[in-house]
Amino acid sequence: MEQSWVETETAECDLGDARLNRRLGRMLEALGEHPGKSLPTAFQDWSNTKAAYRFFSNANVSEDKILEGHFAASDLRTRATDGPILILQDITEFSFKRAEPEKVGFTGTSCGRKMKDGRHQSHAICGIRMHVSLAVTPEGLPLGITAAKFWSRDKFKGTRALKRKINPTRVPIEQKESMRWLDNIRLSTELIGAPERCVHIGDRESDIYELYCLAEDLGTSFLVRSCVDRLAEDGDTTVSKVVATIQASGTHEIRFRDAQGKTQQAVLSIRRATMTVRPPIGKQKKYRHQQLQIIHAEELNPPEGRAPVFWKLITNLPVATHADAIHKLE
């Protein structure tokens, strides 16, 4: 008899009690039938709802143990595929309205209504954050989550003032929240067990020099959007200055939807280069320079009323031809 999806995803779960294991399976079935609904709506009766609350409050239950079975199932699915595996990393915030943020957690601040003096009223956003890595095939088939971390922030005061006194690039990565990106690369690569197949992909928040070095140490690949104009070549220039001197290798047309959901198209001019990228000045004694591929794709003749498309990518994957650059953009 073929296993249900719940049995597949929980086969390797061990919560230390067979009753907890069975309860997890029943809860997943109910939540799977009512995705996005509250616990009372999903379970439909008070006894099962109370059982769910007792489950989550049990000291033996944690997100790591709940996800353990899914990680194992993700591993099996990746082993059943051939070729590269794209591992997409990003952060998601779960917001909960609370009068007392310390009872849930703090994710940030937001500007509310405008007051009489013209300033916007600031209020805390309560909730938790999740940093997750999702494995997919190059064709877009999801294989499962390979790493996940949940946390909430303490409410920091005077952070902007602190930045005026301390250069953030001189703070060790281990003391920063961005360490999550490195942790997920390490955990995902270890889970899959084939670093040469992994391509870790992230947005501009993942443009971290330590990430480049970790990928080299692990023997794995990365492709991220760049937000930092790093020192390049002999250290007397920057990445953007070097790319500006290179002739475009060609163009590429893309279609996308704008913020209003309207279909747009753009013709991008592609520049690509292999160059020496150097660490920030404050970290040059700790990290060595990297030989990396840079791709800049800038829109030609952007229309009025819309910001031009300008993608800056950095990778340790080979980009020897114009076709290779387009492949990475896609």
Protein backbone atom coordinates (compact mmCIF):
# COMPACT_ATOMS: atom_id res chain seq x y z
CA MET A 1 0.00 0.00 0.00
CA GLU A 2 1.39 3.39 -1.01
CA GLN A 3 2.31 5.77 1.81
CA SER A 4 0.34 8.98 2.26
CA TRP A 5 2.24 12.26 2.09
CA VAL A 6 1.95 12.60 5.87
CA GLU A 7 3.52 9.16 6.41
CA THR A 8 6.35 10.09 4.02
CA GLU A 9 7.05 13.40 5.73
CA THR A 10 6.95 12.01 9.29
CA ALA A 11 8.63 8.61 8.80
CA GLU A 12 11.88 9.84 10.39
CA CYS A 13 10.26 11.99 13.10
CA ASP A 14 10.89 10.91 16.69
CA LEU A 15 9.30 13.06 19.36
CA GLY A 16 10.18 10.55 22.08
CA ASP A 17 6.62 9.25 22.44
CA ALA A 18 4.55 7.24 19.97
CA ARG A 19 1.44 9.19 20.97
CA LEU A 20 3.12 12.49 20.04
CA ASN A 21 4.22 11.00 16.72
CA ARG A 22 0.64 9.92 15.95
CA ARG A 23 -0.73 13.32 17.02
CA LEU A 24 1.71 15.07 14.67
CA GLY A 25 0.46 12.95 11.77
CA ARG A 26 -3.20 13.70 12.52
CA MET A 27 -2.47 17.41 12.88
CA LEU A 28 -0.64 17.54 9.55
CA GLU A 29 -3.55 15.82 7.81
CA ALA A 30 -6.03 18.34 9.26
CA LEU A 31 -3.84 21.35 8.49
CA GLY A 32 -3.17 20.01 4.99
CA GLU A 33 -6.90 19.96 4.31
CA HIS A 34 -7.31 23.53 5.62
CA PRO A 35 -4.12 25.39 4.62
CA GLY A 36 -3.78 28.85 6.13
CA LYS A 37 -6.68 28.37 8.57
CA SER A 38 -6.58 28.76 12.34
CA LEU A 39 -6.18 25.67 14.55
CA PRO A 40 -9.86 25.63 15.69
CA THR A 41 -11.01 25.88 12.06
CA ALA A 42 -8.63 23.14 10.90
CA PHE A 43 -9.50 20.70 13.71
CA GLN A 44 -13.22 21.59 13.82
CA ASP A 45 -13.87 20.36 17.36
CA TRP A 46 -12.69 21.45 20.78
CA SER A 47 -11.09 18.16 21.84
CA ASN A 48 -8.74 18.04 18.84
CA THR A 49 -8.00 21.76 19.17
CA LYS A 50 -7.05 21.31 22.84
CA ALA A 51 -4.90 18.31 21.89
CA ALA A 52 -3.05 20.50 19.35
CA TYR A 53 -2.38 23.19 21.96
CA ARG A 54 -1.11 20.55 24.40
CA PHE A 55 1.11 19.16 21.62
CA PHE A 56 2.75 22.53 20.96
CA SER A 57 3.25 23.23 24.67
CA ASN A 58 4.94 19.87 25.27
CA ALA A 59 8.60 20.31 26.25
CA ASN A 60 9.61 17.42 23.95
CA VAL A 61 8.21 19.17 20.86
CA SER A 62 10.34 21.66 18.94
CA GLU A 63 10.50 22.93 15.37
CA ASP A 64 13.69 20.92 14.81
CA LYS A 65 12.02 17.65 15.81
CA ILE A 66 8.87 18.43 13.81
CA LEU A 67 10.94 19.17 10.70
CA GLU A 68 13.33 16.25 11.15
CA GLY A 69 11.16 13.91 9.12
CA HIS A 70 10.65 16.46 6.36
CA PHE A 71 14.40 17.07 6.10
CA ALA A 72 14.93 13.33 5.69
CA ALA A 73 12.22 13.20 3.00
CA SER A 74 13.82 16.19 1.22
CA ASP A 75 17.12 14.32 1.25
CA LEU A 76 15.51 11.28 -0.38
CA ARG A 77 13.89 13.40 -3.09
CA THR A 78 17.16 15.17 -3.94
CA ARG A 79 18.94 11.80 -4.22
CA ALA A 80 16.26 10.66 -6.68
CA THR A 81 17.11 13.52 -9.07
CA ASP A 82 20.07 14.16 -11.33
CA GLY A 83 21.95 17.34 -12.07
CA PRO A 84 22.22 20.57 -10.10
CA ILE A 85 19.95 21.44 -7.18
CA LEU A 86 18.98 25.07 -6.66
CA ILE A 87 18.74 25.96 -2.97
CA LEU A 88 16.76 29.17 -2.54
CA GLN A 89 17.31 31.10 0.70
CA ASP A 90 15.17 33.89 2.13
CA ILE A 91 13.66 35.32 5.30
CA THR A 92 9.94 35.46 6.08
CA GLU A 93 8.29 37.41 8.90
CA PHE A 94 5.22 36.16 10.76
CA SER A 95 3.45 39.15 12.31
CA PHE A 96 1.09 38.96 15.28
CA LYS A 97 -0.74 41.94 16.72
CA ARG A 98 0.14 42.24 20.41
CA ALA A 99 0.03 45.05 22.96
CA GLU A 100 3.06 43.55 24.71
CA PRO A 101 5.78 42.66 22.15
CA GLU A 102 7.92 40.81 24.70
CA LYS A 103 5.30 38.04 24.90
CA VAL A 104 5.74 37.14 21.23
CA GLY A 105 8.92 38.68 19.90
CA PHE A 106 10.03 41.72 17.94
CA THR A 107 10.64 41.79 14.18
CA GLY A 108 10.98 45.53 13.52
CA THR A 109 9.25 48.88 13.53
CA SER A 110 6.81 50.42 11.07
CA CYS A 111 5.50 53.91 10.38
CA GLY A 112 1.80 54.33 11.07
CA ARG A 113 -0.53 57.30 10.73
CA LYS A 114 0.78 60.85 10.39
CA MET A 115 0.50 62.93 13.55
CA LYS A 116 -0.39 66.64 13.82
CA ASP A 117 3.26 67.70 13.81
CA GLY A 118 3.80 65.91 10.49
CA ARG A 119 5.81 63.00 11.88
CA HIS A 120 4.66 59.44 11.39
CA GLN A 121 3.75 57.46 14.47
CA SER A 122 6.12 54.54 14.92
CA HIS A 123 4.98 51.20 16.33
CA ALA A 124 6.59 47.84 17.00
CA ILE A 125 5.83 44.83 14.81
CA CYS A 126 5.42 41.69 16.90
CA GLY A 127 6.13 38.21 15.66
CA ILE A 128 8.83 35.75 14.69
CA ARG A 129 11.20 35.41 11.75
CA MET A 130 11.96 32.33 9.69
CA HIS A 131 15.07 31.84 7.58
CA VAL A 132 14.50 28.91 5.25
CA SER A 133 16.24 27.10 2.39
CA LEU A 134 14.10 25.40 -0.26
CA ALA A 135 15.59 22.89 -2.71
CA VAL A 136 14.17 22.90 -6.25
CA THR A 137 15.25 21.44 -9.58
CA PRO A 138 16.35 23.84 -12.36
CA GLU A 139 12.92 23.20 -13.92
CA GLY A 140 11.24 24.52 -10.75
CA LEU A 141 10.11 21.24 -9.13
CA PRO A 142 10.16 21.69 -5.31
CA LEU A 143 12.07 18.96 -3.49
CA GLY A 144 11.59 20.22 0.06
CA ILE A 145 13.09 22.35 2.78
CA THR A 146 16.73 21.64 3.61
CA ALA A 147 17.28 24.06 6.52
CA ALA A 148 15.13 26.35 8.64
CA LYS A 149 15.66 28.63 11.62
CA PHE A 150 13.01 30.44 13.65
CA TRP A 151 13.81 33.31 16.00
CA SER A 152 12.60 36.65 17.34
CA ARG A 153 14.60 39.78 18.02
CA ASP A 154 15.14 41.62 21.22
CA LYS A 155 14.01 45.19 20.75
CA PHE A 156 17.17 47.17 20.09
CA LYS A 157 17.37 50.83 21.04
CA GLY A 158 19.87 53.28 19.60
CA THR A 159 20.93 51.00 16.75
CA ARG A 160 21.33 53.85 14.26
CA ALA A 161 23.43 55.81 16.74
CA LEU A 162 25.61 52.72 17.26
CA LYS A 163 26.21 52.45 13.50
CA ARG A 164 27.71 55.96 13.57
CA LYS A 165 30.34 54.74 16.03
CA ILE A 166 31.09 51.26 14.67
CA ASN A 167 31.75 50.24 11.05
CA PRO A 168 29.41 47.23 10.51
CA THR A 169 31.96 45.60 8.17
CA ARG A 170 34.38 45.27 11.10
CA VAL A 171 31.92 43.33 13.26
CA PRO A 172 32.58 39.54 13.14
CA ILE A 173 29.95 37.68 11.12
CA GLU A 174 29.30 35.39 14.10
CA GLN A 175 27.87 38.38 16.00
CA LYS A 176 25.49 39.39 13.21
CA GLU A 177 21.99 38.22 12.34
CA SER A 178 23.26 37.60 8.79
CA MET A 179 25.09 34.54 10.14
CA ARG A 180 21.80 32.73 9.35
CA TRP A 181 22.71 32.74 5.66
CA LEU A 182 25.96 30.90 6.34
CA ASP A 183 24.31 28.46 8.75
CA ASN A 184 21.72 27.49 6.13
CA ILE A 185 24.35 26.93 3.44
CA ARG A 186 26.30 24.67 5.77
CA LEU A 187 23.24 22.71 6.94
CA SER A 188 21.75 22.33 3.44
CA THR A 189 25.03 21.19 1.93
CA GLU A 190 25.53 18.69 4.75
CA LEU A 191 21.98 17.33 4.36
CA ILE A 192 22.25 16.79 0.60
CA GLY A 193 25.74 15.36 0.90
CA ALA A 194 26.77 16.42 -2.62
CA PRO A 195 28.17 19.97 -2.41
CA GLU A 196 29.13 19.95 -6.09
CA ARG A 197 25.42 19.67 -7.05
CA CYS A 198 24.23 22.58 -4.88
CA VAL A 199 23.74 26.13 -6.13
CA HIS A 200 22.79 28.43 -3.23
CA ILE A 201 20.70 31.36 -4.47
CA GLY A 202 19.83 34.49 -2.51
CA ASP A 203 18.68 38.07 -2.87
CA ARG A 204 20.73 41.18 -2.04
CA GLU A 205 20.63 40.48 1.68
CA SER A 206 22.80 37.41 1.02
CA ASP A 207 25.61 39.46 -0.55
CA ILE A 208 28.05 38.60 2.26
CA TYR A 209 31.78 38.16 1.66
CA GLU A 210 31.98 35.41 4.27
CA LEU A 211 29.37 33.51 2.24
CA TYR A 212 31.72 33.45 -0.76
CA CYS A 213 34.51 32.04 1.41
CA LEU A 214 32.28 29.42 3.05
CA ALA A 215 31.10 28.20 -0.37
CA GLU A 216 34.73 27.77 -1.42
CA ASP A 217 35.54 25.87 1.79
CA LEU A 218 32.55 23.54 1.30
CA GLY A 219 33.22 23.01 -2.41
CA THR A 220 29.75 24.27 -3.33
CA SER A 221 28.34 27.00 -5.61
CA PHE A 222 26.43 30.23 -5.07
CA LEU A 223 24.58 32.81 -7.18
CA VAL A 224 23.40 35.97 -5.42
CA ARG A 225 22.21 39.44 -6.28
CA SER A 226 24.84 41.97 -5.31
CA CYS A 227 24.23 45.14 -3.31
CA VAL A 228 27.83 45.99 -2.33
CA ASP A 229 30.27 47.59 -4.77
CA ARG A 230 33.28 45.64 -3.52
CA LEU A 231 36.98 46.29 -3.96
CA ALA A 232 38.29 44.54 -7.06
CA GLU A 233 41.46 43.50 -8.87
CA ASP A 234 44.47 45.14 -7.12
CA GLY A 235 42.24 46.88 -4.57
CA ASP A 236 42.47 50.34 -6.16
CA THR A 237 39.19 49.96 -8.04
CA THR A 238 35.71 48.49 -7.54
CA VAL A 239 33.57 45.89 -9.25
CA SER A 240 31.27 48.44 -10.88
CA LYS A 241 34.19 50.47 -12.26
CA VAL A 242 35.72 47.38 -13.85
CA VAL A 243 32.40 46.27 -15.37
CA ALA A 244 31.81 49.78 -16.79
CA THR A 245 34.94 49.40 -18.94
CA ILE A 246 33.74 46.12 -20.49
CA GLN A 247 31.78 46.02 -23.74
CA ALA A 248 28.34 44.41 -23.55
CA SER A 249 28.26 40.80 -24.78
CA GLY A 250 24.72 41.20 -26.12
CA THR A 251 21.13 41.76 -25.04
CA HIS A 252 18.38 39.69 -23.50
CA GLU A 253 14.63 40.30 -23.39
CA ILE A 254 12.62 39.51 -20.26
CA ARG A 255 8.95 39.66 -19.33
CA PHE A 256 7.75 40.31 -15.79
CA ARG A 257 4.93 41.84 -13.76
CA ASP A 258 5.36 45.18 -12.02
CA ALA A 259 4.16 46.10 -8.52
CA GLN A 260 0.63 46.64 -9.87
CA GLY A 261 0.57 43.22 -11.55
CA LYS A 262 0.80 44.61 -15.07
CA THR A 263 2.82 42.69 -17.66
CA GLN A 264 6.06 44.43 -18.58
CA GLN A 265 8.93 43.64 -20.89
CA ALA A 266 12.47 44.95 -20.96
CA VAL A 267 15.56 44.56 -23.10
CA LEU A 268 18.67 44.18 -20.96
CA SER A 269 22.23 44.93 -21.97
CA ILE A 270 24.49 42.20 -20.56
CA ARG A 271 28.02 42.76 -19.30
CA ARG A 272 30.01 39.91 -17.79
CA ALA A 273 33.48 39.66 -16.34
CA THR A 274 35.75 37.40 -14.32
CA MET A 275 37.67 39.38 -11.75
CA THR A 276 39.41 39.33 -8.40
CA VAL A 277 36.99 40.41 -5.66
CA ARG A 278 38.55 41.51 -2.39
CA PRO A 279 37.18 41.46 1.18
CA PRO A 280 36.27 44.65 3.07
CA ILE A 281 39.30 46.58 4.33
CA GLY A 282 38.61 45.62 7.95
CA LYS A 283 38.60 41.88 7.10
CA GLN A 284 41.47 41.59 4.61
CA LYS A 285 43.74 39.89 7.15
CA LYS A 286 41.12 37.21 7.88
CA TYR A 287 39.78 36.40 4.40
CA ARG A 288 41.59 35.96 1.11
CA HIS A 289 40.49 37.42 -2.21
CA GLN A 290 38.16 35.44 -4.50
CA GLN A 291 38.14 34.91 -8.26
CA LEU A 292 34.46 35.36 -9.13
CA GLN A 293 32.13 35.98 -12.09
CA ILE A 294 30.17 39.23 -12.30
CA ILE A 295 27.05 39.79 -14.42
CA HIS A 296 25.40 43.19 -14.83
CA ALA A 297 22.12 43.35 -16.74
CA GLU A 298 20.85 46.90 -17.29
CA GLU A 299 17.65 47.85 -19.09
CA LEU A 300 17.95 49.77 -22.35
CA ASN A 301 15.48 52.63 -22.93
CA PRO A 302 13.32 52.14 -19.79
CA PRO A 303 9.83 53.65 -19.99
CA GLU A 304 8.80 56.70 -17.99
CA GLY A 305 7.09 56.02 -14.70
CA ARG A 306 8.92 52.77 -13.95
CA ALA A 307 12.32 52.25 -12.39
CA PRO A 308 14.73 50.62 -14.86
CA VAL A 309 15.63 46.97 -14.37
CA PHE A 310 19.23 46.66 -13.20
CA TRP A 311 20.39 43.27 -11.92
CA LYS A 312 23.87 42.76 -10.50
CA LEU A 313 24.81 39.12 -9.96
CA ILE A 314 27.91 37.56 -8.44
CA THR A 315 28.73 33.85 -8.61
CA ASN A 316 31.49 31.25 -8.48
CA LEU A 317 29.82 29.32 -11.32
CA PRO A 318 31.52 29.48 -14.74
CA VAL A 319 30.26 32.26 -17.02
CA ALA A 320 32.35 31.86 -20.17
CA THR A 321 29.79 32.97 -22.78
CA HIS A 322 26.82 35.27 -23.30
CA ALA A 323 24.57 32.19 -23.14
CA ASP A 324 26.04 31.31 -19.73
CA ALA A 325 25.20 34.82 -18.47
CA ILE A 326 21.60 34.53 -19.67
CA HIS A 327 21.33 31.10 -18.03
CA LYS A 328 22.32 32.62 -14.68
CA LEU A 329 19.88 35.51 -15.13
CA GLU A 330 17.05 33.09 -15.80
